[in-house]
Structure formats: structure tokens, C-alpha cells
Amino acid sequence: DSPKPPPERITFTLPVINSASNVAVVVTGEGKADALHLAIEEVG
């Protein structure tokens, strides 16, 4: 039931992502600025 098509997907779970030696998140464009702010800064 992915909110973005296509609906059926597989994904690593958070424990796997957070067990990695290195995680890099690559973000470009003004359309991602709000999400990045929520992801990084102290916003309540």
C-alpha cells in the first residue's frame, strides 16, 4: 500500500539500516528542504 506508485515494494527495515557501517543520505532540490529540516533539526 505504498502511498507512491507502484504500491508493492520490499524494503530494508530500520534495524538493518541502522546497523550499517556507513549510511549516506543524498538530498537535492528545494522540494526536499522541509523534509530535510524535519529530519535533521530539533523541531519538536
Full PDB file with SEQRES, HELIX, SHEET, SSBOND, CRYST1, ORIGX, SCALE, CONECT and MASTER records, all heavy atoms in Angstrom:
SEQRES   1 A   44  ASP SER PRO LYS PRO PRO PRO GLU ARG ILE THR PHE THR          
SEQRES   2 A   44  LEU PRO VAL ILE ASN SER ALA SER ASN VAL ALA VAL VAL          
SEQRES   3 A   44  VAL THR GLY GLU GLY LYS ALA ASP ALA LEU HIS LEU ALA          
SEQRES   4 A   44  ILE GLU GLU VAL GLY                                          
HELIX    1 AA1 LEU A   14  ILE A   17  1                                   4    
HELIX    2 AA2 GLU A   30  LYS A   32  5                                   3    
HELIX    3 AA3 ALA A   33  ILE A   40  1                                   8    
CRYST1    1.000    1.000    1.000  90.00  90.00  90.00 P 1           1          
ORIGX1      1.000000  0.000000  0.000000        0.00000                         
ORIGX2      0.000000  1.000000  0.000000        0.00000                         
ORIGX3      0.000000  0.000000  1.000000        0.00000                         
SCALE1      1.000000  0.000000  0.000000        0.00000                         
SCALE2      0.000000  1.000000  0.000000        0.00000                         
SCALE3      0.000000  0.000000  1.000000        0.00000                         
ATOM      1  N   ASP A   1       0.825  -1.205   0.000  1.00  0.00           N  
ATOM      2  CA  ASP A   1       0.000   0.000   0.000  1.00  0.00           C  
ATOM      3  C   ASP A   1       0.860   1.257   0.000  1.00  0.00           C  
ATOM      4  O   ASP A   1       0.569   2.228   0.702  1.00  0.00           O  
ATOM      5  CB  ASP A   1      -0.928   0.010   1.217  1.00  0.00           C  
ATOM      6  CG  ASP A   1      -0.172  -0.126   2.539  1.00  0.00           C  
ATOM      7  OD1 ASP A   1       1.058  -0.358   2.508  1.00  0.00           O  
ATOM      8  OD2 ASP A   1      -0.807  -0.002   3.608  1.00  0.00           O  
ATOM      9  N   SER A   2       1.920   1.255  -0.801  1.00  0.00           N  
ATOM     10  CA  SER A   2       2.774   2.434  -0.864  1.00  0.00           C  
ATOM     11  C   SER A   2       1.965   3.655  -1.281  1.00  0.00           C  
ATOM     12  O   SER A   2       1.186   3.594  -2.236  1.00  0.00           O  
ATOM     13  CB  SER A   2       3.903   2.216  -1.880  1.00  0.00           C  
ATOM     14  OG  SER A   2       4.557   3.438  -2.167  1.00  0.00           O  
ATOM     15  N   PRO A   3       2.147   4.781  -0.573  1.00  0.00           N  
ATOM     16  CA  PRO A   3       1.447   5.994  -0.979  1.00  0.00           C  
ATOM     17  C   PRO A   3       1.929   6.550  -2.316  1.00  0.00           C  
ATOM     18  O   PRO A   3       1.261   7.385  -2.922  1.00  0.00           O  
ATOM     19  CB  PRO A   3       1.741   6.976   0.167  1.00  0.00           C  
ATOM     20  CG  PRO A   3       2.934   6.431   0.851  1.00  0.00           C  
ATOM     21  CD  PRO A   3       2.896   4.958   0.681  1.00  0.00           C  
ATOM     22  N   LYS A   4       3.093   6.076  -2.753  1.00  0.00           N  
ATOM     23  CA  LYS A   4       3.593   6.418  -4.084  1.00  0.00           C  
ATOM     24  C   LYS A   4       3.555   5.162  -4.943  1.00  0.00           C  
ATOM     25  O   LYS A   4       3.922   4.079  -4.474  1.00  0.00           O  
ATOM     26  CB  LYS A   4       5.046   6.906  -4.009  1.00  0.00           C  
ATOM     27  CG  LYS A   4       5.227   8.292  -3.424  1.00  0.00           C  
ATOM     28  CD  LYS A   4       6.695   8.675  -3.434  1.00  0.00           C  
ATOM     29  CE  LYS A   4       7.260   8.723  -4.844  1.00  0.00           C  
ATOM     30  NZ  LYS A   4       8.680   9.135  -4.851  1.00  0.00           N  
ATOM     31  N   PRO A   5       3.098   5.263  -6.208  1.00  0.00           N  
ATOM     32  CA  PRO A   5       3.111   4.078  -7.057  1.00  0.00           C  
ATOM     33  C   PRO A   5       4.546   3.688  -7.419  1.00  0.00           C  
ATOM     34  O   PRO A   5       5.431   4.557  -7.435  1.00  0.00           O  
ATOM     35  CB  PRO A   5       2.331   4.532  -8.298  1.00  0.00           C  
ATOM     36  CG  PRO A   5       2.462   6.027  -8.318  1.00  0.00           C  
ATOM     37  CD  PRO A   5       2.550   6.454  -6.879  1.00  0.00           C  
ATOM     38  N   PRO A   6       4.777   2.405  -7.702  1.00  0.00           N  
ATOM     39  CA  PRO A   6       3.829   1.292  -7.599  1.00  0.00           C  
ATOM     40  C   PRO A   6       3.599   0.890  -6.134  1.00  0.00           C  
ATOM     41  O   PRO A   6       4.472   1.114  -5.288  1.00  0.00           O  
ATOM     42  CB  PRO A   6       4.527   0.183  -8.378  1.00  0.00           C  
ATOM     43  CG  PRO A   6       5.982   0.488  -8.262  1.00  0.00           C  
ATOM     44  CD  PRO A   6       6.100   1.976  -8.215  1.00  0.00           C  
ATOM     45  N   PRO A   7       2.449   0.294  -5.825  1.00  0.00           N  
ATOM     46  CA  PRO A   7       2.078   0.050  -4.428  1.00  0.00           C  
ATOM     47  C   PRO A   7       2.871  -1.051  -3.733  1.00  0.00           C  
ATOM     48  O   PRO A   7       3.053  -1.003  -2.518  1.00  0.00           O  
ATOM     49  CB  PRO A   7       0.596  -0.315  -4.514  1.00  0.00           C  
ATOM     50  CG  PRO A   7       0.413  -0.844  -5.909  1.00  0.00           C  
ATOM     51  CD  PRO A   7       1.362  -0.060  -6.765  1.00  0.00           C  
ATOM     52  N   GLU A   8       3.331  -2.061  -4.500  1.00  0.00           N  
ATOM     53  CA  GLU A   8       4.008  -3.204  -3.876  1.00  0.00           C  
ATOM     54  C   GLU A   8       5.516  -3.016  -3.902  1.00  0.00           C  
ATOM     55  O   GLU A   8       6.110  -2.801  -4.959  1.00  0.00           O  
ATOM     56  CB  GLU A   8       3.616  -4.497  -4.599  1.00  0.00           C  
ATOM     57  CG  GLU A   8       2.138  -4.824  -4.483  1.00  0.00           C  
ATOM     58  CD  GLU A   8       1.835  -6.260  -4.851  1.00  0.00           C  
ATOM     59  OE1 GLU A   8       2.723  -6.941  -5.403  1.00  0.00           O  
ATOM     60  OE2 GLU A   8       0.715  -6.703  -4.571  1.00  0.00           O  
ATOM     61  N   ARG A   9       6.128  -3.125  -2.732  1.00  0.00           N  
ATOM     62  CA  ARG A   9       7.563  -2.893  -2.600  1.00  0.00           C  
ATOM     63  C   ARG A   9       8.148  -3.792  -1.519  1.00  0.00           C  
ATOM     64  O   ARG A   9       7.432  -4.259  -0.638  1.00  0.00           O  
ATOM     65  CB  ARG A   9       7.834  -1.431  -2.205  1.00  0.00           C  
ATOM     66  CG  ARG A   9       7.334  -0.412  -3.229  1.00  0.00           C  
ATOM     67  CD  ARG A   9       7.255   0.966  -2.617  1.00  0.00           C  
ATOM     68  NE  ARG A   9       6.825   1.947  -3.607  1.00  0.00           N  
ATOM     69  CZ  ARG A   9       7.537   3.016  -3.979  1.00  0.00           C  
ATOM     70  NH1 ARG A   9       8.713   3.247  -3.420  1.00  0.00           N  
ATOM     71  NH2 ARG A   9       7.066   3.848  -4.880  1.00  0.00           N  
ATOM     72  N   ILE A  10       9.448  -3.996  -1.582  1.00  0.00           N  
ATOM     73  CA  ILE A  10      10.187  -4.578  -0.465  1.00  0.00           C  
ATOM     74  C   ILE A  10      11.143  -3.519   0.047  1.00  0.00           C  
ATOM     75  O   ILE A  10      11.540  -2.610  -0.684  1.00  0.00           O  
ATOM     76  CB  ILE A  10      10.929  -5.875  -0.841  1.00  0.00           C  
ATOM     77  CG1 ILE A  10      12.063  -5.595  -1.825  1.00  0.00           C  
ATOM     78  CG2 ILE A  10       9.969  -6.901  -1.419  1.00  0.00           C  
ATOM     79  CD1 ILE A  10      13.439  -5.622  -1.227  1.00  0.00           C  
ATOM     80  N   THR A  11      11.510  -3.602   1.320  1.00  0.00           N  
ATOM     81  CA  THR A  11      12.391  -2.590   1.892  1.00  0.00           C  
ATOM     82  C   THR A  11      13.185  -3.159   3.059  1.00  0.00           C  
ATOM     83  O   THR A  11      12.705  -4.026   3.786  1.00  0.00           O  
ATOM     84  CB  THR A  11      11.575  -1.361   2.359  1.00  0.00           C  
ATOM     85  OG1 THR A  11      12.458  -0.350   2.867  1.00  0.00           O  
ATOM     86  CG2 THR A  11      10.556  -1.723   3.437  1.00  0.00           C  
ATOM     87  N   PHE A  12      14.416  -2.686   3.206  1.00  0.00           N  
ATOM     88  CA  PHE A  12      15.149  -2.944   4.438  1.00  0.00           C  
ATOM     89  C   PHE A  12      14.370  -2.320   5.592  1.00  0.00           C  
ATOM     90  O   PHE A  12      13.728  -1.282   5.440  1.00  0.00           O  
ATOM     91  CB  PHE A  12      16.536  -2.294   4.394  1.00  0.00           C  
ATOM     92  CG  PHE A  12      17.573  -3.011   3.570  1.00  0.00           C  
ATOM     93  CD1 PHE A  12      17.270  -4.152   2.853  1.00  0.00           C  
ATOM     94  CD2 PHE A  12      18.871  -2.527   3.524  1.00  0.00           C  
ATOM     95  CE1 PHE A  12      18.236  -4.807   2.092  1.00  0.00           C  
ATOM     96  CE2 PHE A  12      19.849  -3.166   2.780  1.00  0.00           C  
ATOM     97  CZ  PHE A  12      19.532  -4.307   2.065  1.00  0.00           C  
ATOM     98  N   THR A  13      14.464  -2.943   6.751  1.00  0.00           N  
ATOM     99  CA  THR A  13      13.834  -2.393   7.947  1.00  0.00           C  
ATOM    100  C   THR A  13      14.812  -1.443   8.646  1.00  0.00           C  
ATOM    101  O   THR A  13      16.022  -1.432   8.365  1.00  0.00           O  
ATOM    102  CB  THR A  13      13.421  -3.518   8.897  1.00  0.00           C  
ATOM    103  OG1 THR A  13      14.570  -4.311   9.214  1.00  0.00           O  
ATOM    104  CG2 THR A  13      12.361  -4.402   8.262  1.00  0.00           C  
ATOM    105  N   LEU A  14      14.282  -0.659   9.568  1.00  0.00           N  
ATOM    106  CA  LEU A  14      15.132   0.295  10.282  1.00  0.00           C  
ATOM    107  C   LEU A  14      16.296  -0.361  11.031  1.00  0.00           C  
ATOM    108  O   LEU A  14      17.415   0.174  11.015  1.00  0.00           O  
ATOM    109  CB  LEU A  14      14.285   1.133  11.245  1.00  0.00           C  
ATOM    110  CG  LEU A  14      13.519   2.290  10.602  1.00  0.00           C  
ATOM    111  CD1 LEU A  14      12.531   2.882  11.595  1.00  0.00           C  
ATOM    112  CD2 LEU A  14      14.485   3.368  10.094  1.00  0.00           C  
ATOM    113  N   PRO A  15      16.098  -1.516  11.687  1.00  0.00           N  
ATOM    114  CA  PRO A  15      17.257  -2.132  12.353  1.00  0.00           C  
ATOM    115  C   PRO A  15      18.403  -2.452  11.396  1.00  0.00           C  
ATOM    116  O   PRO A  15      19.580  -2.321  11.781  1.00  0.00           O  
ATOM    117  CB  PRO A  15      16.667  -3.408  12.969  1.00  0.00           C  
ATOM    118  CG  PRO A  15      15.235  -3.075  13.205  1.00  0.00           C  
ATOM    119  CD  PRO A  15      14.841  -2.235  12.031  1.00  0.00           C  
ATOM    120  N   VAL A  16      18.095  -2.850  10.167  1.00  0.00           N  
ATOM    121  CA  VAL A  16      19.148  -3.140   9.189  1.00  0.00           C  
ATOM    122  C   VAL A  16      19.835  -1.848   8.747  1.00  0.00           C  
ATOM    123  O   VAL A  16      21.069  -1.771   8.688  1.00  0.00           O  
ATOM    124  CB  VAL A  16      18.568  -3.903   7.978  1.00  0.00           C  
ATOM    125  CG1 VAL A  16      19.589  -3.987   6.847  1.00  0.00           C  
ATOM    126  CG2 VAL A  16      18.135  -5.300   8.396  1.00  0.00           C  
ATOM    127  N   ILE A  17      19.043  -0.830   8.444  1.00  0.00           N  
ATOM    128  CA  ILE A  17      19.623   0.448   8.032  1.00  0.00           C  
ATOM    129  C   ILE A  17      20.533   0.990   9.139  1.00  0.00           C  
ATOM    130  O   ILE A  17      21.655   1.434   8.876  1.00  0.00           O  
ATOM    131  CB  ILE A  17      18.514   1.455   7.680  1.00  0.00           C  
ATOM    132  CG1 ILE A  17      17.783   1.001   6.398  1.00  0.00           C  
ATOM    133  CG2 ILE A  17      19.072   2.863   7.516  1.00  0.00           C  
ATOM    134  CD1 ILE A  17      16.530   1.791   6.073  1.00  0.00           C  
ATOM    135  N   ASN A  18      20.077   0.901  10.369  1.00  0.00           N  
ATOM    136  CA  ASN A  18      20.832   1.475  11.474  1.00  0.00           C  
ATOM    137  C   ASN A  18      21.983   0.592  11.950  1.00  0.00           C  
ATOM    138  O   ASN A  18      22.753   0.997  12.828  1.00  0.00           O  
ATOM    139  CB  ASN A  18      19.896   1.807  12.631  1.00  0.00           C  
ATOM    140  CG  ASN A  18      19.046   3.028  12.345  1.00  0.00           C  
ATOM    141  OD1 ASN A  18      19.473   3.935  11.626  1.00  0.00           O  
ATOM    142  ND2 ASN A  18      17.836   3.063  12.881  1.00  0.00           N  
ATOM    143  N   SER A  19      22.121  -0.594  11.371  1.00  0.00           N  
ATOM    144  CA  SER A  19      23.257  -1.464  11.692  1.00  0.00           C  
ATOM    145  C   SER A  19      24.409  -1.307  10.705  1.00  0.00           C  
ATOM    146  O   SER A  19      25.471  -1.899  10.901  1.00  0.00           O  
ATOM    147  CB  SER A  19      22.806  -2.935  11.707  1.00  0.00           C  
ATOM    148  OG  SER A  19      21.918  -3.183  12.777  1.00  0.00           O  
ATOM    149  N   ALA A  20      24.214  -0.513   9.667  1.00  0.00           N  
ATOM    150  CA  ALA A  20      25.253  -0.353   8.647  1.00  0.00           C  
ATOM    151  C   ALA A  20      26.487   0.344   9.205  1.00  0.00           C  
ATOM    152  O   ALA A  20      26.412   1.139  10.146  1.00  0.00           O  
ATOM    153  CB  ALA A  20      24.703   0.440   7.463  1.00  0.00           C  
ATOM    154  N   SER A  21      27.630   0.061   8.590  1.00  0.00           N  
ATOM    155  CA  SER A  21      28.863   0.766   8.957  1.00  0.00           C  
ATOM    156  C   SER A  21      28.790   2.227   8.551  1.00  0.00           C  
ATOM    157  O   SER A  21      29.297   3.112   9.246  1.00  0.00           O  
ATOM    158  CB  SER A  21      30.068   0.114   8.277  1.00  0.00           C  
ATOM    159  OG  SER A  21      30.301  -1.171   8.784  1.00  0.00           O  
ATOM    160  N   ASN A  22      28.148   2.468   7.399  1.00  0.00           N  
ATOM    161  CA  ASN A  22      28.011   3.823   6.888  1.00  0.00           C  
ATOM    162  C   ASN A  22      26.648   3.971   6.220  1.00  0.00           C  
ATOM    163  O   ASN A  22      26.216   3.086   5.472  1.00  0.00           O  
ATOM    164  CB  ASN A  22      29.100   4.130   5.850  1.00  0.00           C  
ATOM    165  CG  ASN A  22      30.496   4.061   6.436  1.00  0.00           C  
ATOM    166  OD1 ASN A  22      30.977   4.999   7.053  1.00  0.00           O  
ATOM    167  ND2 ASN A  22      31.140   2.909   6.260  1.00  0.00           N  
ATOM    168  N   VAL A  23      25.983   5.075   6.506  1.00  0.00           N  
ATOM    169  CA  VAL A  23      24.732   5.425   5.839  1.00  0.00           C  
ATOM    170  C   VAL A  23      24.902   6.821   5.259  1.00  0.00           C  
ATOM    171  O   VAL A  23      25.306   7.750   5.975  1.00  0.00           O  
ATOM    172  CB  VAL A  23      23.524   5.408   6.801  1.00  0.00           C  
ATOM    173  CG1 VAL A  23      22.247   5.810   6.062  1.00  0.00           C  
ATOM    174  CG2 VAL A  23      23.360   4.034   7.441  1.00  0.00           C  
ATOM    175  N   ALA A  24      24.618   6.957   3.978  1.00  0.00           N  
ATOM    176  CA  ALA A  24      24.669   8.269   3.332  1.00  0.00           C  
ATOM    177  C   ALA A  24      23.293   8.582   2.775  1.00  0.00           C  
ATOM    178  O   ALA A  24      22.690   7.753   2.080  1.00  0.00           O  
ATOM    179  CB  ALA A  24      25.707   8.289   2.216  1.00  0.00           C  
ATOM    180  N   VAL A  25      22.784   9.765   3.102  1.00  0.00           N  
ATOM    181  CA  VAL A  25      21.506  10.232   2.576  1.00  0.00           C  
ATOM    182  C   VAL A  25      21.805  11.385   1.625  1.00  0.00           C  
ATOM    183  O   VAL A  25      22.427  12.378   2.019  1.00  0.00           O  
ATOM    184  CB  VAL A  25      20.559  10.689   3.702  1.00  0.00           C  
ATOM    185  CG1 VAL A  25      19.167  10.967   3.138  1.00  0.00           C  
ATOM    186  CG2 VAL A  25      20.486   9.639   4.808  1.00  0.00           C  
ATOM    187  N   VAL A  26      21.373  11.235   0.382  1.00  0.00           N  
ATOM    188  CA  VAL A  26      21.677  12.210  -0.662  1.00  0.00           C  
ATOM    189  C   VAL A  26      20.396  12.959  -1.001  1.00  0.00           C  
ATOM    190  O   VAL A  26      19.403  12.349  -1.415  1.00  0.00           O  
ATOM    191  CB  VAL A  26      22.251  11.513  -1.911  1.00  0.00           C  
ATOM    192  CG1 VAL A  26      22.701  12.556  -2.933  1.00  0.00           C  
ATOM    193  CG2 VAL A  26      23.423  10.605  -1.527  1.00  0.00           C  
ATOM    194  N   VAL A  27      20.412  14.291  -0.815  1.00  0.00           N  
ATOM    195  CA  VAL A  27      19.193  15.083  -0.936  1.00  0.00           C  
ATOM    196  C   VAL A  27      19.473  16.337  -1.760  1.00  0.00           C  
ATOM    197  O   VAL A  27      20.382  17.107  -1.432  1.00  0.00           O  
ATOM    198  CB  VAL A  27      18.643  15.508   0.441  1.00  0.00           C  
ATOM    199  CG1 VAL A  27      17.234  16.066   0.299  1.00  0.00           C  
ATOM    200  CG2 VAL A  27      18.659  14.346   1.430  1.00  0.00           C  
ATOM    201  N   THR A  28      18.695  16.532  -2.813  1.00  0.00           N  
ATOM    202  CA  THR A  28      18.863  17.719  -3.650  1.00  0.00           C  
ATOM    203  C   THR A  28      17.506  18.343  -3.947  1.00  0.00           C  
ATOM    204  O   THR A  28      16.488  17.659  -3.988  1.00  0.00           O  
ATOM    205  CB  THR A  28      19.559  17.377  -4.985  1.00  0.00           C  
ATOM    206  OG1 THR A  28      18.741  16.453  -5.725  1.00  0.00           O  
ATOM    207  CG2 THR A  28      20.926  16.753  -4.751  1.00  0.00           C  
ATOM    208  N   GLY A  29      17.522  19.642  -4.132  1.00  0.00           N  
ATOM    209  CA  GLY A  29      16.335  20.346  -4.577  1.00  0.00           C  
ATOM    210  C   GLY A  29      15.535  20.995  -3.477  1.00  0.00           C  
ATOM    211  O   GLY A  29      15.438  20.481  -2.362  1.00  0.00           O  
ATOM    212  N   GLU A  30      14.952  22.139  -3.799  1.00  0.00           N  
ATOM    213  CA  GLU A  30      14.174  22.906  -2.826  1.00  0.00           C  
ATOM    214  C   GLU A  30      12.951  22.139  -2.344  1.00  0.00           C  
ATOM    215  O   GLU A  30      12.484  22.334  -1.218  1.00  0.00           O  
ATOM    216  CB  GLU A  30      13.744  24.230  -3.459  1.00  0.00           C  
ATOM    217  CG  GLU A  30      13.148  25.227  -2.497  1.00  0.00           C  
ATOM    218  CD  GLU A  30      12.861  26.563  -3.145  1.00  0.00           C  
ATOM    219  OE1 GLU A  30      13.166  26.722  -4.340  1.00  0.00           O  
ATOM    220  OE2 GLU A  30      12.318  27.444  -2.444  1.00  0.00           O  
ATOM    221  N   GLY A  31      12.436  21.225  -3.178  1.00  0.00           N  
ATOM    222  CA  GLY A  31      11.257  20.453  -2.808  1.00  0.00           C  
ATOM    223  C   GLY A  31      11.488  19.511  -1.641  1.00  0.00           C  
ATOM    224  O   GLY A  31      10.523  19.020  -1.045  1.00  0.00           O  
ATOM    225  N   LYS A  32      12.744  19.271  -1.297  1.00  0.00           N  
ATOM    226  CA  LYS A  32      13.071  18.389  -0.163  1.00  0.00           C  
ATOM    227  C   LYS A  32      13.470  19.171   1.089  1.00  0.00           C  
ATOM    228  O   LYS A  32      13.776  18.575   2.119  1.00  0.00           O  
ATOM    229  CB  LYS A  32      14.219  17.445  -0.552  1.00  0.00           C  
ATOM    230  CG  LYS A  32      14.005  16.648  -1.835  1.00  0.00           C  
ATOM    231  CD  LYS A  32      12.912  15.606  -1.675  1.00  0.00           C  
ATOM    232  CE  LYS A  32      12.700  14.817  -2.962  1.00  0.00           C  
ATOM    233  NZ  LYS A  32      13.807  13.915  -3.293  1.00  0.00           N  
ATOM    234  N   ALA A  33      13.472  20.500   1.002  1.00  0.00           N  
ATOM    235  CA  ALA A  33      14.006  21.324   2.100  1.00  0.00           C  
ATOM    236  C   ALA A  33      13.214  21.155   3.390  1.00  0.00           C  
ATOM    237  O   ALA A  33      13.796  21.074   4.476  1.00  0.00           O  
ATOM    238  CB  ALA A  33      14.050  22.791   1.675  1.00  0.00           C  
ATOM    239  N   ASP A  34      11.882  21.127   3.301  1.00  0.00           N  
ATOM    240  CA  ASP A  34      11.072  20.976   4.511  1.00  0.00           C  
ATOM    241  C   ASP A  34      11.322  19.625   5.172  1.00  0.00           C  
ATOM    242  O   ASP A  34      11.468  19.535   6.396  1.00  0.00           O  
ATOM    243  CB  ASP A  34       9.586  21.133   4.186  1.00  0.00           C  
ATOM    244  CG  ASP A  34       9.195  22.583   3.924  1.00  0.00           C  
ATOM    245  OD1 ASP A  34       9.782  23.475   4.558  1.00  0.00           O  
ATOM    246  OD2 ASP A  34       8.321  22.819   3.072  1.00  0.00           O  
ATOM    247  N   ALA A  35      11.340  18.562   4.360  1.00  0.00           N  
ATOM    248  CA  ALA A  35      11.574  17.218   4.907  1.00  0.00           C  
ATOM    249  C   ALA A  35      12.956  17.128   5.538  1.00  0.00           C  
ATOM    250  O   ALA A  35      13.126  16.522   6.603  1.00  0.00           O  
ATOM    251  CB  ALA A  35      11.419  16.169   3.804  1.00  0.00           C  
ATOM    252  N   LEU A  36      13.940  17.746   4.914  1.00  0.00           N  
ATOM    253  CA  LEU A  36      15.299  17.707   5.456  1.00  0.00           C  
ATOM    254  C   LEU A  36      15.368  18.448   6.790  1.00  0.00           C  
ATOM    255  O   LEU A  36      16.013  17.978   7.737  1.00  0.00           O  
ATOM    256  CB  LEU A  36      16.275  18.318   4.456  1.00  0.00           C  
ATOM    257  CG  LEU A  36      17.747  18.169   4.829  1.00  0.00           C  
ATOM    258  CD1 LEU A  36      18.188  16.719   4.717  1.00  0.00           C  
ATOM    259  CD2 LEU A  36      18.623  19.054   3.969  1.00  0.00           C  
ATOM    260  N   HIS A  37      14.699  19.576   6.870  1.00  0.00           N  
ATOM    261  CA  HIS A  37      14.624  20.327   8.129  1.00  0.00           C  
ATOM    262  C   HIS A  37      14.042  19.462   9.242  1.00  0.00           C  
ATOM    263  O   HIS A  37      14.592  19.397  10.352  1.00  0.00           O  
ATOM    264  CB  HIS A  37      13.770  21.578   7.901  1.00  0.00           C  
ATOM    265  CG  HIS A  37      13.352  22.284   9.151  1.00  0.00           C  
ATOM    266  ND1 HIS A  37      14.253  22.802  10.058  1.00  0.00           N  
ATOM    267  CD2 HIS A  37      12.123  22.560   9.645  1.00  0.00           C  
ATOM    268  CE1 HIS A  37      13.595  23.368  11.055  1.00  0.00           C  
ATOM    269  NE2 HIS A  37      12.303  23.232  10.837  1.00  0.00           N  
ATOM    270  N   LEU A  38      12.956  18.733   8.945  1.00  0.00           N  
ATOM    271  CA  LEU A  38      12.340  17.864   9.945  1.00  0.00           C  
ATOM    272  C   LEU A  38      13.235  16.681  10.295  1.00  0.00           C  
ATOM    273  O   LEU A  38      13.213  16.176  11.416  1.00  0.00           O  
ATOM    274  CB  LEU A  38      10.988  17.351   9.440  1.00  0.00           C  
ATOM    275  CG  LEU A  38       9.865  18.383   9.326  1.00  0.00           C  
ATOM    276  CD1 LEU A  38       8.642  17.745   8.670  1.00  0.00           C  
ATOM    277  CD2 LEU A  38       9.493  18.938  10.693  1.00  0.00           C  
ATOM    278  N   ALA A  39      14.019  16.245   9.331  1.00  0.00           N  
ATOM    279  CA  ALA A  39      14.867  15.066   9.544  1.00  0.00           C  
ATOM    280  C   ALA A  39      16.096  15.370  10.383  1.00  0.00           C  
ATOM    281  O   ALA A  39      16.604  14.485  11.082  1.00  0.00           O  
ATOM    282  CB  ALA A  39      15.301  14.493   8.198  1.00  0.00           C  
ATOM    283  N   ILE A  40      16.567  16.611  10.345  1.00  0.00           N  
ATOM    284  CA  ILE A  40      17.861  16.923  10.943  1.00  0.00           C  
ATOM    285  C   ILE A  40      17.755  17.790  12.185  1.00  0.00           C  
ATOM    286  O   ILE A  40      18.456  17.559  13.175  1.00  0.00           O  
ATOM    287  CB  ILE A  40      18.780  17.603   9.897  1.00  0.00           C  
ATOM    288  CG1 ILE A  40      19.216  16.575   8.854  1.00  0.00           C  
ATOM    289  CG2 ILE A  40      19.990  18.238  10.560  1.00  0.00           C  
ATOM    290  CD1 ILE A  40      20.109  17.128   7.766  1.00  0.00           C  
ATOM    291  N   GLU A  41      16.890  18.783  12.171  1.00  0.00           N  
ATOM    292  CA  GLU A  41      16.914  19.774  13.239  1.00  0.00           C  
ATOM    293  C   GLU A  41      15.913  19.472  14.344  1.00  0.00           C  
ATOM    294  O   GLU A  41      14.982  18.687  14.172  1.00  0.00           O  
ATOM    295  CB  GLU A  41      16.685  21.164  12.645  1.00  0.00           C  
ATOM    296  CG  GLU A  41      17.822  21.551  11.703  1.00  0.00           C  
ATOM    297  CD  GLU A  41      17.779  22.992  11.272  1.00  0.00           C  
ATOM    298  OE1 GLU A  41      16.694  23.490  10.927  1.00  0.00           O  
ATOM    299  OE2 GLU A  41      18.844  23.615  11.263  1.00  0.00           O  
ATOM    300  N   GLU A  42      16.129  20.118  15.477  1.00  0.00           N  
ATOM    301  CA  GLU A  42      15.227  19.983  16.621  1.00  0.00           C  
ATOM    302  C   GLU A  42      13.949  20.769  16.328  1.00  0.00           C  
ATOM    303  O   GLU A  42      13.945  21.996  16.363  1.00  0.00           O  
ATOM    304  CB  GLU A  42      15.895  20.510  17.889  1.00  0.00           C  
ATOM    305  CG  GLU A  42      17.111  19.724  18.337  1.00  0.00           C  
ATOM    306  CD  GLU A  42      16.765  18.291  18.724  1.00  0.00           C  
ATOM    307  OE1 GLU A  42      15.629  18.054  19.151  1.00  0.00           O  
ATOM    308  OE2 GLU A  42      17.640  17.423  18.605  1.00  0.00           O  
ATOM    309  N   VAL A  43      12.874  20.045  16.015  1.00  0.00           N  
ATOM    310  CA  VAL A  43      11.653  20.724  15.570  1.00  0.00           C  
ATOM    311  C   VAL A  43      10.433  20.322  16.389  1.00  0.00           C  
ATOM    312  O   VAL A  43       9.310  20.519  15.971  1.00  0.00           O  
ATOM    313  CB  VAL A  43      11.390  20.443  14.069  1.00  0.00           C  
ATOM    314  CG1 VAL A  43      12.427  21.133  13.218  1.00  0.00           C  
ATOM    315  CG2 VAL A  43      11.382  18.941  13.797  1.00  0.00           C  
ATOM    316  N   GLY A  44      10.649  19.741  17.560  1.00  0.00           N  
ATOM    317  CA  GLY A  44       9.512  19.363  18.388  1.00  0.00           C  
ATOM    318  C   GLY A  44       8.954  18.009  18.008  1.00  0.00           C  
ATOM    319  O   GLY A  44       9.582  17.233  17.284  1.00  0.00           O  
TER     320      GLY A  44                                                      
MASTER        0    0    0    3    0    0    0    6  319    1    0    4          
END                                                                             
